[in-house]
Amino acid sequence: MKLYNVLILLASVFFTMQVFAAASDLYTYNDDILPLFQDQGCTDCHSWTGNYSELIAKTSESTSPAGSPVVKPNDASGSVLVWRLKGETSTGTTVSRMPLGGDPLSEEAILRAVKWIDAGAPEIAVTVKVTTWGKLKSLFR
């Protein structure tokens, strides 16, 4: 029975560590991306960047290939947003860098957008409640 308890403890510690590691790198639209768009003036020219549903549904009208998703959840390299922030597509083709006529975003800001998209482009954060060892142990009695 002691081995069983040790295995449960190790599993719960591992799970807790994974949750905290994932949460520290999680960027969300509401907390991280929208403020970035607002600070950089993106929403002044592209009103759809201020609305999560419109942003996720938007496709490119001018960047080749036309119809490419502006945000392709789980695939930053396939997202027009990242191409425009970097000034080139995933194949190295040069495109107009955004913000047009303004200073390019910092590498940290671009990385934030990349991580957000690669994480599935979540709109909001989801909190996972980690239970105490005593409660977890009582489940297996």
N, C-alpha and C. Protein backbone atom coordinates (compact mmCIF):
# COMPACT_ATOMS: atom_id res chain seq x y z
N MET A 1 0.82 -1.19 0.00
CA MET A 1 0.00 0.00 0.00
C MET A 1 0.87 1.26 0.00
N LYS A 2 2.04 1.21 0.63
CA LYS A 2 2.91 2.38 0.67
C LYS A 2 3.39 2.76 -0.73
N LEU A 3 3.74 1.77 -1.54
CA LEU A 3 4.18 2.04 -2.91
C LEU A 3 3.07 2.74 -3.69
N TYR A 4 1.85 2.31 -3.50
CA TYR A 4 0.70 2.91 -4.15
C TYR A 4 0.58 4.39 -3.78
N ASN A 5 0.73 4.70 -2.49
CA ASN A 5 0.66 6.09 -2.03
C ASN A 5 1.79 6.94 -2.60
N VAL A 6 2.98 6.37 -2.69
CA VAL A 6 4.12 7.08 -3.25
C VAL A 6 3.87 7.38 -4.73
N LEU A 7 3.33 6.41 -5.45
CA LEU A 7 3.05 6.62 -6.87
C LEU A 7 2.00 7.71 -7.07
N ILE A 8 0.98 7.74 -6.23
CA ILE A 8 -0.05 8.78 -6.31
C ILE A 8 0.57 10.15 -6.02
N LEU A 9 1.42 10.21 -5.01
CA LEU A 9 2.08 11.47 -4.67
C LEU A 9 2.94 11.97 -5.83
N LEU A 10 3.72 11.08 -6.41
CA LEU A 10 4.58 11.47 -7.54
C LEU A 10 3.75 11.94 -8.73
N ALA A 11 2.65 11.25 -9.00
CA ALA A 11 1.79 11.64 -10.11
C ALA A 11 1.18 13.01 -9.87
N SER A 12 0.74 13.28 -8.64
CA SER A 12 0.13 14.58 -8.35
C SER A 12 1.16 15.70 -8.42
N VAL A 13 2.37 15.46 -7.96
CA VAL A 13 3.44 16.47 -8.04
C VAL A 13 3.77 16.75 -9.50
N PHE A 14 3.90 15.70 -10.30
CA PHE A 14 4.21 15.87 -11.72
C PHE A 14 3.11 16.68 -12.41
N PHE A 15 1.84 16.33 -12.15
CA PHE A 15 0.72 17.05 -12.76
C PHE A 15 0.73 18.51 -12.34
N THR A 16 0.95 18.78 -11.07
CA THR A 16 0.98 20.16 -10.57
C THR A 16 2.09 20.95 -11.25
N MET A 17 3.25 20.35 -11.40
CA MET A 17 4.37 21.03 -12.05
C MET A 17 4.03 21.35 -13.50
N GLN A 18 3.37 20.42 -14.19
CA GLN A 18 2.99 20.64 -15.59
C GLN A 18 1.99 21.79 -15.71
N VAL A 19 1.03 21.85 -14.80
CA VAL A 19 0.03 22.91 -14.83
C VAL A 19 0.69 24.27 -14.63
N PHE A 20 1.57 24.38 -13.64
CA PHE A 20 2.22 25.65 -13.38
C PHE A 20 3.17 26.04 -14.51
N ALA A 21 3.86 25.09 -15.09
CA ALA A 21 4.76 25.39 -16.21
C ALA A 21 3.97 25.88 -17.41
N ALA A 22 2.84 25.24 -17.71
CA ALA A 22 2.02 25.65 -18.84
C ALA A 22 1.40 27.01 -18.60
N ALA A 23 0.95 27.26 -17.38
CA ALA A 23 0.29 28.53 -17.07
C ALA A 23 1.24 29.71 -17.18
N SER A 24 2.52 29.52 -16.88
CA SER A 24 3.46 30.63 -16.91
C SER A 24 3.74 31.12 -18.33
N ASP A 25 3.58 30.26 -19.34
CA ASP A 25 3.82 30.64 -20.73
C ASP A 25 2.53 30.90 -21.50
N LEU A 26 1.40 30.86 -20.83
CA LEU A 26 0.13 31.00 -21.53
C LEU A 26 -0.20 32.47 -21.75
N TYR A 27 -0.37 32.83 -23.00
CA TYR A 27 -0.82 34.15 -23.37
C TYR A 27 -2.27 34.03 -23.83
N THR A 28 -3.08 35.03 -23.51
CA THR A 28 -4.47 35.02 -23.95
C THR A 28 -4.77 36.30 -24.72
N TYR A 29 -5.82 36.23 -25.52
CA TYR A 29 -6.23 37.40 -26.29
C TYR A 29 -6.58 38.56 -25.36
N ASN A 30 -7.44 38.29 -24.39
CA ASN A 30 -7.92 39.38 -23.51
C ASN A 30 -6.81 40.01 -22.68
N ASP A 31 -5.90 39.20 -22.15
CA ASP A 31 -4.87 39.72 -21.24
C ASP A 31 -3.60 40.20 -21.92
N ASP A 32 -3.26 39.63 -23.07
CA ASP A 32 -1.95 39.91 -23.66
C ASP A 32 -1.98 40.45 -25.09
N ILE A 33 -2.86 39.90 -25.92
CA ILE A 33 -2.84 40.26 -27.34
C ILE A 33 -3.64 41.53 -27.61
N LEU A 34 -4.86 41.63 -27.08
CA LEU A 34 -5.66 42.84 -27.28
C LEU A 34 -4.94 44.09 -26.76
N PRO A 35 -4.37 44.05 -25.54
CA PRO A 35 -3.62 45.24 -25.09
C PRO A 35 -2.45 45.59 -26.03
N LEU A 36 -1.80 44.58 -26.57
CA LEU A 36 -0.71 44.81 -27.53
C LEU A 36 -1.25 45.51 -28.77
N PHE A 37 -2.35 45.01 -29.31
CA PHE A 37 -2.97 45.64 -30.49
C PHE A 37 -3.37 47.08 -30.19
N GLN A 38 -3.93 47.31 -29.01
CA GLN A 38 -4.36 48.66 -28.65
C GLN A 38 -3.17 49.60 -28.47
N ASP A 39 -2.13 49.13 -27.79
CA ASP A 39 -0.93 49.95 -27.56
C ASP A 39 -0.23 50.32 -28.87
N GLN A 40 -0.23 49.38 -29.83
CA GLN A 40 0.46 49.61 -31.10
C GLN A 40 -0.40 50.34 -32.12
N GLY A 41 -1.67 50.58 -31.80
CA GLY A 41 -2.55 51.29 -32.73
C GLY A 41 -3.17 50.40 -33.80
N CYS A 42 -3.03 49.10 -33.66
CA CYS A 42 -3.57 48.17 -34.67
C CYS A 42 -5.08 48.34 -34.82
N THR A 43 -5.76 48.54 -33.69
CA THR A 43 -7.22 48.64 -33.71
C THR A 43 -7.68 49.93 -34.38
N ASP A 44 -6.80 50.92 -34.54
CA ASP A 44 -7.18 52.16 -35.23
C ASP A 44 -7.47 51.91 -36.71
N CYS A 45 -6.65 51.10 -37.35
CA CYS A 45 -6.82 50.80 -38.78
C CYS A 45 -7.56 49.50 -39.03
N HIS A 46 -7.39 48.55 -38.15
CA HIS A 46 -7.98 47.21 -38.31
C HIS A 46 -8.94 46.97 -37.15
N SER A 47 -10.15 47.48 -37.27
CA SER A 47 -11.11 47.38 -36.16
C SER A 47 -11.36 45.94 -35.74
N TRP A 48 -11.23 45.00 -36.67
CA TRP A 48 -11.46 43.58 -36.35
C TRP A 48 -10.43 43.02 -35.37
N THR A 49 -9.29 43.68 -35.20
CA THR A 49 -8.32 43.17 -34.22
C THR A 49 -8.81 43.39 -32.79
N GLY A 50 -9.79 44.26 -32.61
CA GLY A 50 -10.35 44.53 -31.29
C GLY A 50 -11.47 43.59 -30.90
N ASN A 51 -11.78 42.63 -31.77
CA ASN A 51 -12.85 41.68 -31.49
C ASN A 51 -12.33 40.27 -31.75
N TYR A 52 -12.28 39.46 -30.71
CA TYR A 52 -11.69 38.12 -30.82
C TYR A 52 -12.34 37.29 -31.92
N SER A 53 -13.67 37.26 -31.96
CA SER A 53 -14.37 36.43 -32.94
C SER A 53 -14.06 36.87 -34.37
N GLU A 54 -14.02 38.18 -34.59
CA GLU A 54 -13.70 38.68 -35.93
C GLU A 54 -12.26 38.37 -36.31
N LEU A 55 -11.36 38.50 -35.35
CA LEU A 55 -9.94 38.23 -35.61
C LEU A 55 -9.73 36.77 -36.00
N ILE A 56 -10.34 35.86 -35.28
CA ILE A 56 -10.16 34.43 -35.55
C ILE A 56 -10.79 34.03 -36.88
N ALA A 57 -11.87 34.70 -37.29
CA ALA A 57 -12.56 34.37 -38.53
C ALA A 57 -11.95 35.06 -39.76
N LYS A 58 -11.13 36.06 -39.54
CA LYS A 58 -10.60 36.89 -40.63
C LYS A 58 -9.63 36.11 -41.51
N THR A 59 -9.75 36.34 -42.82
CA THR A 59 -8.77 35.79 -43.77
C THR A 59 -8.15 36.94 -44.53
N SER A 60 -6.99 36.68 -45.09
CA SER A 60 -6.26 37.72 -45.82
C SER A 60 -6.89 37.98 -47.17
N GLU A 61 -6.94 39.26 -47.51
CA GLU A 61 -7.45 39.64 -48.83
C GLU A 61 -6.31 39.98 -49.77
N SER A 62 -5.16 40.37 -49.20
CA SER A 62 -4.07 40.84 -50.06
C SER A 62 -2.81 39.98 -49.99
N THR A 63 -2.57 39.33 -48.88
CA THR A 63 -1.34 38.54 -48.75
C THR A 63 -1.52 37.20 -49.45
N SER A 64 -0.54 36.84 -50.24
CA SER A 64 -0.60 35.57 -50.97
C SER A 64 -0.25 34.42 -50.03
N PRO A 65 -0.97 33.34 -50.05
CA PRO A 65 -2.15 33.14 -50.88
C PRO A 65 -3.37 33.82 -50.27
N ALA A 66 -4.16 34.45 -51.10
CA ALA A 66 -5.38 35.11 -50.63
C ALA A 66 -6.26 34.08 -49.94
N GLY A 67 -6.91 34.49 -48.89
CA GLY A 67 -7.75 33.57 -48.13
C GLY A 67 -7.02 32.88 -46.99
N SER A 68 -5.73 33.17 -46.84
CA SER A 68 -4.99 32.60 -45.71
C SER A 68 -5.53 33.16 -44.41
N PRO A 69 -5.60 32.33 -43.36
CA PRO A 69 -6.12 32.83 -42.09
C PRO A 69 -5.18 33.85 -41.44
N VAL A 70 -5.76 34.92 -40.93
CA VAL A 70 -4.95 35.91 -40.22
C VAL A 70 -4.36 35.25 -38.97
N VAL A 71 -5.19 34.49 -38.26
CA VAL A 71 -4.73 33.71 -37.12
C VAL A 71 -5.12 32.26 -37.37
N LYS A 72 -4.12 31.40 -37.45
CA LYS A 72 -4.36 29.97 -37.63
C LYS A 72 -3.97 29.29 -36.31
N PRO A 73 -4.96 29.07 -35.43
CA PRO A 73 -4.64 28.51 -34.12
C PRO A 73 -3.75 27.26 -34.21
N ASN A 74 -2.77 27.21 -33.34
CA ASN A 74 -1.78 26.12 -33.26
C ASN A 74 -0.75 26.13 -34.39
N ASP A 75 -0.74 27.18 -35.21
CA ASP A 75 0.21 27.24 -36.32
C ASP A 75 0.61 28.69 -36.61
N ALA A 76 1.49 29.22 -35.78
CA ALA A 76 1.91 30.62 -35.96
C ALA A 76 2.58 30.84 -37.31
N SER A 77 3.35 29.86 -37.78
CA SER A 77 4.04 30.04 -39.05
C SER A 77 3.08 30.09 -40.23
N GLY A 78 1.84 29.62 -40.05
CA GLY A 78 0.84 29.67 -41.10
C GLY A 78 -0.14 30.82 -40.92
N SER A 79 0.16 31.73 -40.00
CA SER A 79 -0.74 32.85 -39.68
C SER A 79 -0.25 34.14 -40.31
N VAL A 80 -1.14 34.80 -41.04
CA VAL A 80 -0.80 36.06 -41.70
C VAL A 80 -0.37 37.11 -40.67
N LEU A 81 -0.98 37.08 -39.50
CA LEU A 81 -0.60 38.05 -38.45
C LEU A 81 0.90 38.00 -38.17
N VAL A 82 1.44 36.81 -38.02
CA VAL A 82 2.87 36.67 -37.73
C VAL A 82 3.69 37.11 -38.94
N TRP A 83 3.24 36.77 -40.13
CA TRP A 83 3.95 37.20 -41.34
C TRP A 83 4.05 38.72 -41.38
N ARG A 84 2.93 39.39 -41.07
CA ARG A 84 2.90 40.85 -41.12
C ARG A 84 3.74 41.48 -40.02
N LEU A 85 3.77 40.86 -38.85
CA LEU A 85 4.58 41.40 -37.76
C LEU A 85 6.07 41.24 -38.05
N LYS A 86 6.44 40.14 -38.73
CA LYS A 86 7.84 39.88 -39.05
C LYS A 86 8.29 40.51 -40.37
N GLY A 87 7.32 40.75 -41.28
CA GLY A 87 7.66 41.30 -42.59
C GLY A 87 8.00 40.25 -43.62
N GLU A 88 7.73 38.98 -43.32
CA GLU A 88 7.96 37.91 -44.29
C GLU A 88 7.09 36.71 -43.96
N THR A 89 6.78 35.93 -45.00
CA THR A 89 5.98 34.73 -44.82
C THR A 89 6.86 33.61 -44.29
N SER A 90 6.26 32.48 -44.01
CA SER A 90 7.02 31.33 -43.51
C SER A 90 7.99 30.79 -44.57
N THR A 91 7.77 31.13 -45.83
CA THR A 91 8.67 30.69 -46.90
C THR A 91 9.73 31.74 -47.23
N GLY A 92 9.70 32.87 -46.49
CA GLY A 92 10.70 33.91 -46.70
C GLY A 92 10.31 35.00 -47.67
N THR A 93 9.10 34.94 -48.21
CA THR A 93 8.63 35.98 -49.13
C THR A 93 8.38 37.26 -48.34
N THR A 94 8.89 38.37 -48.82
CA THR A 94 8.72 39.65 -48.13
C THR A 94 7.28 40.15 -48.30
N VAL A 95 6.70 40.61 -47.17
CA VAL A 95 5.38 41.23 -47.16
C VAL A 95 5.49 42.53 -46.38
N SER A 96 4.50 43.41 -46.55
CA SER A 96 4.50 44.68 -45.81
C SER A 96 4.47 44.40 -44.32
N ARG A 97 5.40 45.01 -43.63
CA ARG A 97 5.49 44.81 -42.18
C ARG A 97 4.52 45.75 -41.47
N MET A 98 3.87 45.24 -40.46
CA MET A 98 2.96 46.04 -39.66
C MET A 98 3.62 46.34 -38.32
N PRO A 99 3.31 47.47 -37.74
CA PRO A 99 2.37 48.49 -38.21
C PRO A 99 2.96 49.31 -39.35
N LEU A 100 2.16 49.47 -40.38
CA LEU A 100 2.58 50.19 -41.57
C LEU A 100 2.91 51.64 -41.22
N GLY A 101 4.11 52.08 -41.53
CA GLY A 101 4.53 53.44 -41.25
C GLY A 101 4.96 53.67 -39.81
N GLY A 102 4.87 52.63 -38.98
CA GLY A 102 5.27 52.76 -37.58
C GLY A 102 6.49 51.91 -37.28
N ASP A 103 6.94 52.00 -36.06
CA ASP A 103 8.08 51.18 -35.65
C ASP A 103 7.66 49.72 -35.55
N PRO A 104 8.52 48.81 -35.98
CA PRO A 104 8.20 47.39 -35.85
C PRO A 104 8.03 47.01 -34.38
N LEU A 105 7.25 45.99 -34.14
CA LEU A 105 7.09 45.49 -32.78
C LEU A 105 8.40 44.88 -32.30
N SER A 106 8.60 44.86 -31.01
CA SER A 106 9.80 44.25 -30.44
C SER A 106 9.76 42.74 -30.66
N GLU A 107 10.91 42.13 -30.61
CA GLU A 107 10.98 40.67 -30.74
C GLU A 107 10.14 39.99 -29.65
N GLU A 108 10.13 40.58 -28.44
CA GLU A 108 9.34 40.03 -27.33
C GLU A 108 7.86 40.07 -27.66
N ALA A 109 7.39 41.16 -28.25
CA ALA A 109 5.97 41.28 -28.60
C ALA A 109 5.59 40.29 -29.70
N ILE A 110 6.47 40.12 -30.68
CA ILE A 110 6.21 39.15 -31.75
C ILE A 110 6.21 37.75 -31.18
N LEU A 111 7.16 37.44 -30.29
CA LEU A 111 7.21 36.12 -29.67
C LEU A 111 5.95 35.86 -28.85
N ARG A 112 5.43 36.88 -28.20
CA ARG A 112 4.19 36.75 -27.44
C ARG A 112 3.04 36.33 -28.38
N ALA A 113 2.95 36.97 -29.54
CA ALA A 113 1.91 36.62 -30.52
C ALA A 113 2.12 35.20 -31.04
N VAL A 114 3.36 34.83 -31.30
CA VAL A 114 3.67 33.48 -31.79
C VAL A 114 3.27 32.43 -30.75
N LYS A 115 3.65 32.64 -29.50
CA LYS A 115 3.31 31.68 -28.44
C LYS A 115 1.80 31.59 -28.25
N TRP A 116 1.12 32.73 -28.34
CA TRP A 116 -0.33 32.74 -28.20
C TRP A 116 -0.98 31.89 -29.29
N ILE A 117 -0.57 32.09 -30.54
CA ILE A 117 -1.15 31.33 -31.65
C ILE A 117 -0.79 29.85 -31.53
N ASP A 118 0.47 29.55 -31.25
CA ASP A 118 0.89 28.15 -31.14
C ASP A 118 0.20 27.41 -29.99
N ALA A 119 -0.29 28.16 -28.99
CA ALA A 119 -1.02 27.55 -27.87
C ALA A 119 -2.51 27.41 -28.18
N GLY A 120 -2.90 27.70 -29.42
CA GLY A 120 -4.30 27.55 -29.80
C GLY A 120 -5.05 28.87 -29.85
N ALA A 121 -4.38 29.99 -29.64
CA ALA A 121 -4.98 31.32 -29.66
C ALA A 121 -6.15 31.44 -28.69
N PRO A 122 -5.92 31.12 -27.40
CA PRO A 122 -7.04 31.18 -26.45
C PRO A 122 -7.51 32.61 -26.20
N GLU A 123 -8.82 32.73 -26.02
CA GLU A 123 -9.39 34.05 -25.74
C GLU A 123 -9.20 34.43 -24.28
N ILE A 124 -9.43 33.47 -23.39
CA ILE A 124 -9.31 33.73 -21.96
C ILE A 124 -8.48 32.63 -21.31
N ALA A 125 -8.02 32.89 -20.09
CA ALA A 125 -7.27 31.89 -19.34
C ALA A 125 -8.25 30.98 -18.61
N VAL A 126 -7.86 29.73 -18.50
CA VAL A 126 -8.64 28.76 -17.75
C VAL A 126 -7.84 28.39 -16.51
N THR A 127 -8.47 28.48 -15.37
CA THR A 127 -7.80 28.16 -14.12
C THR A 127 -8.06 26.70 -13.76
N VAL A 128 -7.00 25.99 -13.43
CA VAL A 128 -7.12 24.60 -13.00
C VAL A 128 -6.91 24.57 -11.50
N LYS A 129 -7.87 24.00 -10.79
CA LYS A 129 -7.77 23.91 -9.34
C LYS A 129 -7.01 22.63 -8.99
N VAL A 130 -5.92 22.79 -8.28
CA VAL A 130 -5.13 21.64 -7.83
C VAL A 130 -5.53 21.35 -6.39
N THR A 131 -5.94 20.14 -6.16
CA THR A 131 -6.43 19.75 -4.84
C THR A 131 -5.28 19.41 -3.89
N THR A 132 -5.57 19.37 -2.61
CA THR A 132 -4.54 19.03 -1.62
C THR A 132 -4.28 17.53 -1.64
N TRP A 133 -3.14 17.13 -1.10
CA TRP A 133 -2.78 15.72 -1.05
C TRP A 133 -3.81 14.94 -0.26
N GLY A 134 -4.30 15.49 0.85
CA GLY A 134 -5.29 14.79 1.68
C GLY A 134 -6.56 14.48 0.91
N LYS A 135 -7.04 15.44 0.13
CA LYS A 135 -8.25 15.22 -0.66
C LYS A 135 -7.99 14.19 -1.77
N LEU A 136 -6.82 14.29 -2.40
CA LEU A 136 -6.48 13.34 -3.44
C LEU A 136 -6.37 11.93 -2.88
N LYS A 137 -5.73 11.80 -1.76
CA LYS A 137 -5.54 10.49 -1.13
C LYS A 137 -6.89 9.87 -0.74
N SER A 138 -7.82 10.70 -0.26
CA SER A 138 -9.13 10.19 0.15
C SER A 138 -9.92 9.62 -1.01
N LEU A 139 -9.62 10.02 -2.22
CA LEU A 139 -10.31 9.51 -3.39
C LEU A 139 -10.00 8.03 -3.63
N PHE A 140 -8.87 7.57 -3.13
CA PHE A 140 -8.41 6.20 -3.40
C PHE A 140 -8.56 5.25 -2.21
N ARG A 141 -9.30 5.66 -1.21
CA ARG A 141 -9.50 4.80 -0.05
C ARG A 141 -10.65 3.88 -0.26
